[in-house]
Amino acid sequence: MFRKEAKILNSFGIHARPAGMIASVASTFESDIKLIKDRMEVNAKSIMGILSLAAGKGTRIIIEARGKDEKEAVSAIAEIFEKKFDLE
């Protein structure tokens, strides 16, 4: 298992476009990937799951992956957060 904390930096938080970006990148990896907010865990390959987090600006999310490409998966998703989902 590999995990990393990410902070939502863009003004509008995770809405449909960022959720789609996360799910799209997550789906390229073999590992099981979760996003965790407080005590809620969702599959990072599911747009609806990601949207259900209702994560706004400033929210801290744990990105967790298990599998043979877990480090690469977590790094790729963390990079999306760091780039503010290419929105700003």
PDB file of N, CA and C in Angstrom:
ATOM      1  N   MET A   1       0.854  -1.184   0.000  1.00  0.00           N
ATOM      2  CA  MET A   1       0.000   0.000   0.000  1.00  0.00           C
ATOM      3  C   MET A   1       0.889   1.233   0.000  1.00  0.00           C
ATOM      4  N   PHE A   2       0.482   2.224  -0.779  1.00  0.00           N
ATOM      5  CA  PHE A   2       1.177   3.505  -0.839  1.00  0.00           C
ATOM      6  C   PHE A   2       0.120   4.588  -0.755  1.00  0.00           C
ATOM      7  N   ARG A   3       0.406   5.629   0.014  1.00  0.00           N
ATOM      8  CA  ARG A   3      -0.586   6.712   0.154  1.00  0.00           C
ATOM      9  C   ARG A   3       0.105   8.051   0.245  1.00  0.00           C
ATOM     10  N   LYS A   4      -0.656   9.082  -0.102  1.00  0.00           N
ATOM     11  CA  LYS A   4      -0.158  10.453  -0.059  1.00  0.00           C
ATOM     12  C   LYS A   4      -1.342  11.383   0.164  1.00  0.00           C
ATOM     13  N   GLU A   5      -1.105  12.443   0.906  1.00  0.00           N
ATOM     14  CA  GLU A   5      -2.155  13.434   1.121  1.00  0.00           C
ATOM     15  C   GLU A   5      -2.066  14.508   0.049  1.00  0.00           C
ATOM     16  N   ALA A   6      -3.214  14.940  -0.431  1.00  0.00           N
ATOM     17  CA  ALA A   6      -3.299  16.019  -1.412  1.00  0.00           C
ATOM     18  C   ALA A   6      -4.313  17.031  -0.908  1.00  0.00           C
ATOM     19  N   LYS A   7      -4.109  18.271  -1.267  1.00  0.00           N
ATOM     20  CA  LYS A   7      -5.032  19.342  -0.880  1.00  0.00           C
ATOM     21  C   LYS A   7      -5.653  19.908  -2.147  1.00  0.00           C
ATOM     22  N   ILE A   8      -6.942  20.164  -2.082  1.00  0.00           N
ATOM     23  CA  ILE A   8      -7.637  20.742  -3.235  1.00  0.00           C
ATOM     24  C   ILE A   8      -7.336  22.241  -3.253  1.00  0.00           C
ATOM     25  N   LEU A   9      -6.694  22.683  -4.324  1.00  0.00           N
ATOM     26  CA  LEU A   9      -6.221  24.058  -4.415  1.00  0.00           C
ATOM     27  C   LEU A   9      -7.063  24.948  -5.327  1.00  0.00           C
ATOM     28  N   ASN A  10      -7.820  24.340  -6.235  1.00  0.00           N
ATOM     29  CA  ASN A  10      -8.602  25.161  -7.167  1.00  0.00           C
ATOM     30  C   ASN A  10      -9.842  25.734  -6.475  1.00  0.00           C
ATOM     31  N   SER A  11     -10.361  26.811  -7.005  1.00  0.00           N
ATOM     32  CA  SER A  11     -11.452  27.562  -6.369  1.00  0.00           C
ATOM     33  C   SER A  11     -12.755  26.801  -6.206  1.00  0.00           C
ATOM     34  N   PHE A  12     -13.074  25.924  -7.136  1.00  0.00           N
ATOM     35  CA  PHE A  12     -14.389  25.277  -7.122  1.00  0.00           C
ATOM     36  C   PHE A  12     -14.388  23.848  -6.593  1.00  0.00           C
ATOM     37  N   GLY A  13     -13.242  23.356  -6.145  1.00  0.00           N
ATOM     38  CA  GLY A  13     -13.189  22.003  -5.603  1.00  0.00           C
ATOM     39  C   GLY A  13     -13.343  20.960  -6.687  1.00  0.00           C
ATOM     40  N   ILE A  14     -13.727  19.765  -6.268  1.00  0.00           N
ATOM     41  CA  ILE A  14     -13.905  18.674  -7.238  1.00  0.00           C
ATOM     42  C   ILE A  14     -15.341  18.695  -7.745  1.00  0.00           C
ATOM     43  N   HIS A  15     -15.476  19.019  -9.025  1.00  0.00           N
ATOM     44  CA  HIS A  15     -16.772  18.953  -9.701  1.00  0.00           C
ATOM     45  C   HIS A  15     -16.613  17.976 -10.864  1.00  0.00           C
ATOM     46  N   ALA A  16     -17.499  17.978 -11.815  1.00  0.00           N
ATOM     47  CA  ALA A  16     -17.520  16.948 -12.859  1.00  0.00           C
ATOM     48  C   ALA A  16     -16.214  16.841 -13.647  1.00  0.00           C
ATOM     49  N   ARG A  17     -15.667  17.959 -14.075  1.00  0.00           N
ATOM     50  CA  ARG A  17     -14.447  17.895 -14.892  1.00  0.00           C
ATOM     51  C   ARG A  17     -13.270  17.309 -14.113  1.00  0.00           C
ATOM     52  N   PRO A  18     -12.948  17.830 -12.908  1.00  0.00           N
ATOM     53  CA  PRO A  18     -11.851  17.215 -12.150  1.00  0.00           C
ATOM     54  C   PRO A  18     -12.110  15.742 -11.810  1.00  0.00           C
ATOM     55  N   ALA A  19     -13.353  15.404 -11.498  1.00  0.00           N
ATOM     56  CA  ALA A  19     -13.672  14.009 -11.184  1.00  0.00           C
ATOM     57  C   ALA A  19     -13.395  13.129 -12.394  1.00  0.00           C
ATOM     58  N   GLY A  20     -13.748  13.606 -13.565  1.00  0.00           N
ATOM     59  CA  GLY A  20     -13.475  12.865 -14.798  1.00  0.00           C
ATOM     60  C   GLY A  20     -11.989  12.708 -15.055  1.00  0.00           C
ATOM     61  N   MET A  21     -11.220  13.762 -14.779  1.00  0.00           N
ATOM     62  CA  MET A  21      -9.770  13.692 -14.960  1.00  0.00           C
ATOM     63  C   MET A  21      -9.160  12.653 -14.023  1.00  0.00           C
ATOM     64  N   ILE A  22      -9.565  12.681 -12.760  1.00  0.00           N
ATOM     65  CA  ILE A  22      -9.037  11.741 -11.772  1.00  0.00           C
ATOM     66  C   ILE A  22      -9.378  10.309 -12.178  1.00  0.00           C
ATOM     67  N   ALA A  23     -10.644  10.068 -12.504  1.00  0.00           N
ATOM     68  CA  ALA A  23     -11.081   8.716 -12.878  1.00  0.00           C
ATOM     69  C   ALA A  23     -10.372   8.223 -14.130  1.00  0.00           C
ATOM     70  N   SER A  24     -10.182   9.118 -15.079  1.00  0.00           N
ATOM     71  CA  SER A  24      -9.518   8.750 -16.327  1.00  0.00           C
ATOM     72  C   SER A  24      -8.069   8.328 -16.070  1.00  0.00           C
ATOM     73  N   VAL A  25      -7.352   9.093 -15.288  1.00  0.00           N
ATOM     74  CA  VAL A  25      -5.962   8.745 -14.969  1.00  0.00           C
ATOM     75  C   VAL A  25      -5.914   7.480 -14.122  1.00  0.00           C
ATOM     76  N   ALA A  26      -6.775   7.394 -13.120  1.00  0.00           N
ATOM     77  CA  ALA A  26      -6.789   6.225 -12.243  1.00  0.00           C
ATOM     78  C   ALA A  26      -7.047   4.947 -13.033  1.00  0.00           C
ATOM     79  N   SER A  27      -7.884   5.029 -14.044  1.00  0.00           N
ATOM     80  CA  SER A  27      -8.241   3.852 -14.839  1.00  0.00           C
ATOM     81  C   SER A  27      -7.090   3.320 -15.679  1.00  0.00           C
ATOM     82  N   THR A  28      -6.036   4.099 -15.828  1.00  0.00           N
ATOM     83  CA  THR A  28      -4.886   3.629 -16.607  1.00  0.00           C
ATOM     84  C   THR A  28      -3.962   2.737 -15.779  1.00  0.00           C
ATOM     85  N   PHE A  29      -4.231   2.634 -14.486  1.00  0.00           N
ATOM     86  CA  PHE A  29      -3.384   1.841 -13.594  1.00  0.00           C
ATOM     87  C   PHE A  29      -4.087   0.550 -13.175  1.00  0.00           C
ATOM     88  N   GLU A  30      -3.292  -0.468 -12.929  1.00  0.00           N
ATOM     89  CA  GLU A  30      -3.814  -1.762 -12.514  1.00  0.00           C
ATOM     90  C   GLU A  30      -4.208  -1.770 -11.031  1.00  0.00           C
ATOM     91  N   SER A  31      -3.537  -0.974 -10.229  1.00  0.00           N
ATOM     92  CA  SER A  31      -3.765  -0.959  -8.780  1.00  0.00           C
ATOM     93  C   SER A  31      -5.192  -0.543  -8.421  1.00  0.00           C
ATOM     94  N   ASP A  32      -5.625  -0.986  -7.244  1.00  0.00           N
ATOM     95  CA  ASP A  32      -6.870  -0.486  -6.669  1.00  0.00           C
ATOM     96  C   ASP A  32      -6.533   0.859  -6.043  1.00  0.00           C
ATOM     97  N   ILE A  33      -7.282   1.892  -6.398  1.00  0.00           N
ATOM     98  CA  ILE A  33      -6.978   3.242  -5.936  1.00  0.00           C
ATOM     99  C   ILE A  33      -8.200   3.816  -5.250  1.00  0.00           C
ATOM    100  N   LYS A  34      -7.982   4.389  -4.068  1.00  0.00           N
ATOM    101  CA  LYS A  34      -9.068   5.007  -3.308  1.00  0.00           C
ATOM    102  C   LYS A  34      -8.739   6.461  -3.021  1.00  0.00           C
ATOM    103  N   LEU A  35      -9.778   7.259  -2.920  1.00  0.00           N
ATOM    104  CA  LEU A  35      -9.666   8.611  -2.389  1.00  0.00           C
ATOM    105  C   LEU A  35     -10.390   8.592  -1.056  1.00  0.00           C
ATOM    106  N   ILE A  36      -9.767   9.163  -0.048  1.00  0.00           N
ATOM    107  CA  ILE A  36     -10.333   9.140   1.295  1.00  0.00           C
ATOM    108  C   ILE A  36     -10.469  10.570   1.813  1.00  0.00           C
ATOM    109  N   LYS A  37     -11.686  10.905   2.218  1.00  0.00           N
ATOM    110  CA  LYS A  37     -11.966  12.204   2.833  1.00  0.00           C
ATOM    111  C   LYS A  37     -12.648  11.916   4.163  1.00  0.00           C
ATOM    112  N   ASP A  38     -12.047  12.383   5.237  1.00  0.00           N
ATOM    113  CA  ASP A  38     -12.529  12.069   6.576  1.00  0.00           C
ATOM    114  C   ASP A  38     -12.607  10.543   6.698  1.00  0.00           C
ATOM    115  N   ARG A  39     -13.784   9.992   6.872  1.00  0.00           N
ATOM    116  CA  ARG A  39     -13.916   8.536   6.963  1.00  0.00           C
ATOM    117  C   ARG A  39     -14.553   7.916   5.725  1.00  0.00           C
ATOM    118  N   MET A  40     -14.761   8.717   4.710  1.00  0.00           N
ATOM    119  CA  MET A  40     -15.403   8.239   3.486  1.00  0.00           C
ATOM    120  C   MET A  40     -14.338   7.818   2.469  1.00  0.00           C
ATOM    121  N   GLU A  41     -14.465   6.598   1.966  1.00  0.00           N
ATOM    122  CA  GLU A  41     -13.548   6.063   0.962  1.00  0.00           C
ATOM    123  C   GLU A  41     -14.312   5.799  -0.322  1.00  0.00           C
ATOM    124  N   VAL A  42     -13.739   6.242  -1.458  1.00  0.00           N
ATOM    125  CA  VAL A  42     -14.375   5.983  -2.751  1.00  0.00           C
ATOM    126  C   VAL A  42     -13.343   5.445  -3.730  1.00  0.00           C
ATOM    127  N   ASN A  43     -13.828   4.731  -4.716  1.00  0.00           N
ATOM    128  CA  ASN A  43     -13.000   4.208  -5.787  1.00  0.00           C
ATOM    129  C   ASN A  43     -12.595   5.373  -6.690  1.00  0.00           C
ATOM    130  N   ALA A  44     -11.287   5.573  -6.874  1.00  0.00           N
ATOM    131  CA  ALA A  44     -10.797   6.683  -7.695  1.00  0.00           C
ATOM    132  C   ALA A  44     -11.072   6.485  -9.175  1.00  0.00           C
ATOM    133  N   LYS A  45     -11.558   5.303  -9.562  1.00  0.00           N
ATOM    134  CA  LYS A  45     -11.891   5.041 -10.960  1.00  0.00           C
ATOM    135  C   LYS A  45     -13.365   5.316 -11.246  1.00  0.00           C
ATOM    136  N   SER A  46     -14.089   5.794 -10.234  1.00  0.00           N
ATOM    137  CA  SER A  46     -15.527   6.056 -10.360  1.00  0.00           C
ATOM    138  C   SER A  46     -15.821   7.553 -10.249  1.00  0.00           C
ATOM    139  N   ILE A  47     -16.290   8.140 -11.337  1.00  0.00           N
ATOM    140  CA  ILE A  47     -16.623   9.571 -11.323  1.00  0.00           C
ATOM    141  C   ILE A  47     -17.691   9.854 -10.269  1.00  0.00           C
ATOM    142  N   MET A  48     -18.724   9.035 -10.215  1.00  0.00           N
ATOM    143  CA  MET A  48     -19.801   9.266  -9.245  1.00  0.00           C
ATOM    144  C   MET A  48     -19.289   9.143  -7.803  1.00  0.00           C
ATOM    145  N   GLY A  49     -18.413   8.184  -7.567  1.00  0.00           N
ATOM    146  CA  GLY A  49     -17.824   8.044  -6.242  1.00  0.00           C
ATOM    147  C   GLY A  49     -17.035   9.279  -5.852  1.00  0.00           C
ATOM    148  N   ILE A  50     -16.235   9.765  -6.782  1.00  0.00           N
ATOM    149  CA  ILE A  50     -15.419  10.959  -6.516  1.00  0.00           C
ATOM    150  C   ILE A  50     -16.318  12.161  -6.227  1.00  0.00           C
ATOM    151  N   LEU A  51     -17.356  12.334  -7.027  1.00  0.00           N
ATOM    152  CA  LEU A  51     -18.277  13.454  -6.803  1.00  0.00           C
ATOM    153  C   LEU A  51     -18.973  13.367  -5.443  1.00  0.00           C
ATOM    154  N   SER A  52     -19.210  12.150  -4.975  1.00  0.00           N
ATOM    155  CA  SER A  52     -19.908  11.974  -3.697  1.00  0.00           C
ATOM    156  C   SER A  52     -19.082  12.469  -2.503  1.00  0.00           C
ATOM    157  N   LEU A  53     -17.802  12.699  -2.706  1.00  0.00           N
ATOM    158  CA  LEU A  53     -16.975  13.245  -1.626  1.00  0.00           C
ATOM    159  C   LEU A  53     -17.345  14.691  -1.296  1.00  0.00           C
ATOM    160  N   ALA A  54     -17.959  15.383  -2.252  1.00  0.00           N
ATOM    161  CA  ALA A  54     -18.331  16.788  -2.066  1.00  0.00           C
ATOM    162  C   ALA A  54     -17.158  17.577  -1.487  1.00  0.00           C
ATOM    163  N   ALA A  55     -16.028  17.492  -2.172  1.00  0.00           N
ATOM    164  CA  ALA A  55     -14.789  18.078  -1.683  1.00  0.00           C
ATOM    165  C   ALA A  55     -14.562  19.467  -2.270  1.00  0.00           C
ATOM    166  N   GLY A  56     -14.570  20.457  -1.425  1.00  0.00           N
ATOM    167  CA  GLY A  56     -14.362  21.839  -1.845  1.00  0.00           C
ATOM    168  C   GLY A  56     -12.926  22.288  -1.670  1.00  0.00           C
ATOM    169  N   LYS A  57     -12.683  23.546  -2.010  1.00  0.00           N
ATOM    170  CA  LYS A  57     -11.343  24.129  -1.887  1.00  0.00           C
ATOM    171  C   LYS A  57     -10.826  23.974  -0.458  1.00  0.00           C
ATOM    172  N   GLY A  58      -9.564  23.581  -0.352  1.00  0.00           N
ATOM    173  CA  GLY A  58      -8.937  23.426   0.945  1.00  0.00           C
ATOM    174  C   GLY A  58      -9.092  22.055   1.572  1.00  0.00           C
ATOM    175  N   THR A  59      -9.945  21.231   1.002  1.00  0.00           N
ATOM    176  CA  THR A  59     -10.163  19.886   1.539  1.00  0.00           C
ATOM    177  C   THR A  59      -8.904  19.046   1.348  1.00  0.00           C
ATOM    178  N   ARG A  60      -8.585  18.274   2.362  1.00  0.00           N
ATOM    179  CA  ARG A  60      -7.448  17.352   2.279  1.00  0.00           C
ATOM    180  C   ARG A  60      -7.978  15.950   1.970  1.00  0.00           C
ATOM    181  N   ILE A  61      -7.374  15.345   0.957  1.00  0.00           N
ATOM    182  CA  ILE A  61      -7.771  14.020   0.475  1.00  0.00           C
ATOM    183  C   ILE A  61      -6.557  13.098   0.576  1.00  0.00           C
ATOM    184  N   ILE A  62      -6.782  11.890   1.026  1.00  0.00           N
ATOM    185  CA  ILE A  62      -5.733  10.875   1.003  1.00  0.00           C
ATOM    186  C   ILE A  62      -5.917  10.052  -0.271  1.00  0.00           C
ATOM    187  N   ILE A  63      -4.842   9.928  -1.030  1.00  0.00           N
ATOM    188  CA  ILE A  63      -4.837   9.069  -2.216  1.00  0.00           C
ATOM    189  C   ILE A  63      -4.122   7.789  -1.796  1.00  0.00           C
ATOM    190  N   GLU A  64      -4.809   6.668  -1.928  1.00  0.00           N
ATOM    191  CA  GLU A  64      -4.248   5.388  -1.478  1.00  0.00           C
ATOM    192  C   GLU A  64      -4.366   4.362  -2.592  1.00  0.00           C
ATOM    193  N   ALA A  65      -3.280   3.630  -2.820  1.00  0.00           N
ATOM    194  CA  ALA A  65      -3.300   2.605  -3.862  1.00  0.00           C
ATOM    195  C   ALA A  65      -2.642   1.323  -3.353  1.00  0.00           C
ATOM    196  N   ARG A  66      -3.157   0.208  -3.869  1.00  0.00           N
ATOM    197  CA  ARG A  66      -2.591  -1.116  -3.580  1.00  0.00           C
ATOM    198  C   ARG A  66      -2.445  -1.851  -4.903  1.00  0.00           C
ATOM    199  N   GLY A  67      -1.236  -2.318  -5.158  1.00  0.00           N
ATOM    200  CA  GLY A  67      -1.001  -3.067  -6.385  1.00  0.00           C
ATOM    201  C   GLY A  67       0.405  -2.837  -6.888  1.00  0.00           C
ATOM    202  N   LYS A  68       0.697  -3.464  -8.042  1.00  0.00           N
ATOM    203  CA  LYS A  68       2.067  -3.429  -8.528  1.00  0.00           C
ATOM    204  C   LYS A  68       2.522  -2.058  -9.022  1.00  0.00           C
ATOM    205  N   ASP A  69       1.594  -1.191  -9.399  1.00  0.00           N
ATOM    206  CA  ASP A  69       1.971   0.154  -9.859  1.00  0.00           C
ATOM    207  C   ASP A  69       1.437   1.236  -8.916  1.00  0.00           C
ATOM    208  N   GLU A  70       1.339   0.902  -7.626  1.00  0.00           N
ATOM    209  CA  GLU A  70       0.725   1.805  -6.643  1.00  0.00           C
ATOM    210  C   GLU A  70       1.438   3.147  -6.520  1.00  0.00           C
ATOM    211  N   LYS A  71       2.756   3.155  -6.500  1.00  0.00           N
ATOM    212  CA  LYS A  71       3.492   4.422  -6.343  1.00  0.00           C
ATOM    213  C   LYS A  71       3.272   5.339  -7.538  1.00  0.00           C
ATOM    214  N   GLU A  72       3.321   4.776  -8.717  1.00  0.00           N
ATOM    215  CA  GLU A  72       3.100   5.555  -9.938  1.00  0.00           C
ATOM    216  C   GLU A  72       1.681   6.099  -9.977  1.00  0.00           C
ATOM    217  N   ALA A  73       0.724   5.283  -9.563  1.00  0.00           N
ATOM    218  CA  ALA A  73      -0.685   5.702  -9.564  1.00  0.00           C
ATOM    219  C   ALA A  73      -0.908   6.872  -8.615  1.00  0.00           C
ATOM    220  N   VAL A  74      -0.408   6.751  -7.407  1.00  0.00           N
ATOM    221  CA  VAL A  74      -0.581   7.824  -6.418  1.00  0.00           C
ATOM    222  C   VAL A  74       0.106   9.099  -6.897  1.00  0.00           C
ATOM    223  N   SER A  75       1.297   8.976  -7.439  1.00  0.00           N
ATOM    224  CA  SER A  75       2.027  10.146  -7.931  1.00  0.00           C
ATOM    225  C   SER A  75       1.289  10.838  -9.077  1.00  0.00           C
ATOM    226  N   ALA A  76       0.744  10.064  -9.996  1.00  0.00           N
ATOM    227  CA  ALA A  76       0.030  10.636 -11.143  1.00  0.00           C
ATOM    228  C   ALA A  76      -1.226  11.387 -10.687  1.00  0.00           C
ATOM    229  N   ILE A  77      -1.953  10.828  -9.744  1.00  0.00           N
ATOM    230  CA  ILE A  77      -3.176  11.486  -9.267  1.00  0.00           C
ATOM    231  C   ILE A  77      -2.822  12.704  -8.420  1.00  0.00           C
ATOM    232  N   ALA A  78      -1.796  12.606  -7.592  1.00  0.00           N
ATOM    233  CA  ALA A  78      -1.370  13.754  -6.784  1.00  0.00           C
ATOM    234  C   ALA A  78      -0.966  14.921  -7.687  1.00  0.00           C
ATOM    235  N   GLU A  79      -0.356  14.623  -8.804  1.00  0.00           N
ATOM    236  CA  GLU A  79       0.053  15.666  -9.746  1.00  0.00           C
ATOM    237  C   GLU A  79      -1.151  16.428 -10.294  1.00  0.00           C
ATOM    238  N   ILE A  80      -2.257  15.736 -10.518  1.00  0.00           N
ATOM    239  CA  ILE A  80      -3.475  16.398 -10.991  1.00  0.00           C
ATOM    240  C   ILE A  80      -3.946  17.420  -9.954  1.00  0.00           C
ATOM    241  N   PHE A  81      -3.917  17.041  -8.682  1.00  0.00           N
ATOM    242  CA  PHE A  81      -4.303  17.958  -7.613  1.00  0.00           C
ATOM    243  C   PHE A  81      -3.365  19.162  -7.570  1.00  0.00           C
ATOM    244  N   GLU A  82      -2.052  18.911  -7.686  1.00  0.00           N
ATOM    245  CA  GLU A  82      -1.055  19.978  -7.617  1.00  0.00           C
ATOM    246  C   GLU A  82      -1.223  20.968  -8.762  1.00  0.00           C
ATOM    247  N   LYS A  83      -1.667  20.501  -9.917  1.00  0.00           N
ATOM    248  CA  LYS A  83      -1.869  21.366 -11.076  1.00  0.00           C
ATOM    249  C   LYS A  83      -3.242  22.033 -11.075  1.00  0.00           C
ATOM    250  N   LYS A  84      -3.958  21.912  -9.975  1.00  0.00           N
ATOM    251  CA  LYS A  84      -5.294  22.504  -9.827  1.00  0.00           C
ATOM    252  C   LYS A  84      -6.238  22.042 -10.920  1.00  0.00           C
ATOM    253  N   PHE A  85      -6.094  20.785 -11.336  1.00  0.00           N
ATOM    254  CA  PHE A  85      -6.950  20.173 -12.357  1.00  0.00           C
ATOM    255  C   PHE A  85      -6.901  20.936 -13.681  1.00  0.00           C
ATOM    256  N   ASP A  86      -5.807  21.652 -13.921  1.00  0.00           N
ATOM    257  CA  ASP A  86      -5.630  22.471 -15.130  1.00  0.00           C
ATOM    258  C   ASP A  86      -6.741  23.501 -15.302  1.00  0.00           C
ATOM    259  N   LEU A  87      -7.298  23.968 -14.205  1.00  0.00           N
ATOM    260  CA  LEU A  87      -8.405  24.929 -14.278  1.00  0.00           C
ATOM    261  C   LEU A  87      -7.979  26.361 -13.969  1.00  0.00           C
ATOM    262  N   GLU A  88      -6.847  26.538 -13.352  1.00  0.00           N
ATOM    263  CA  GLU A  88      -6.431  27.898 -12.979  1.00  0.00           C
ATOM    264  C   GLU A  88      -5.003  28.146 -13.383  1.00  0.00           C
TER     265      GLU A  88
END
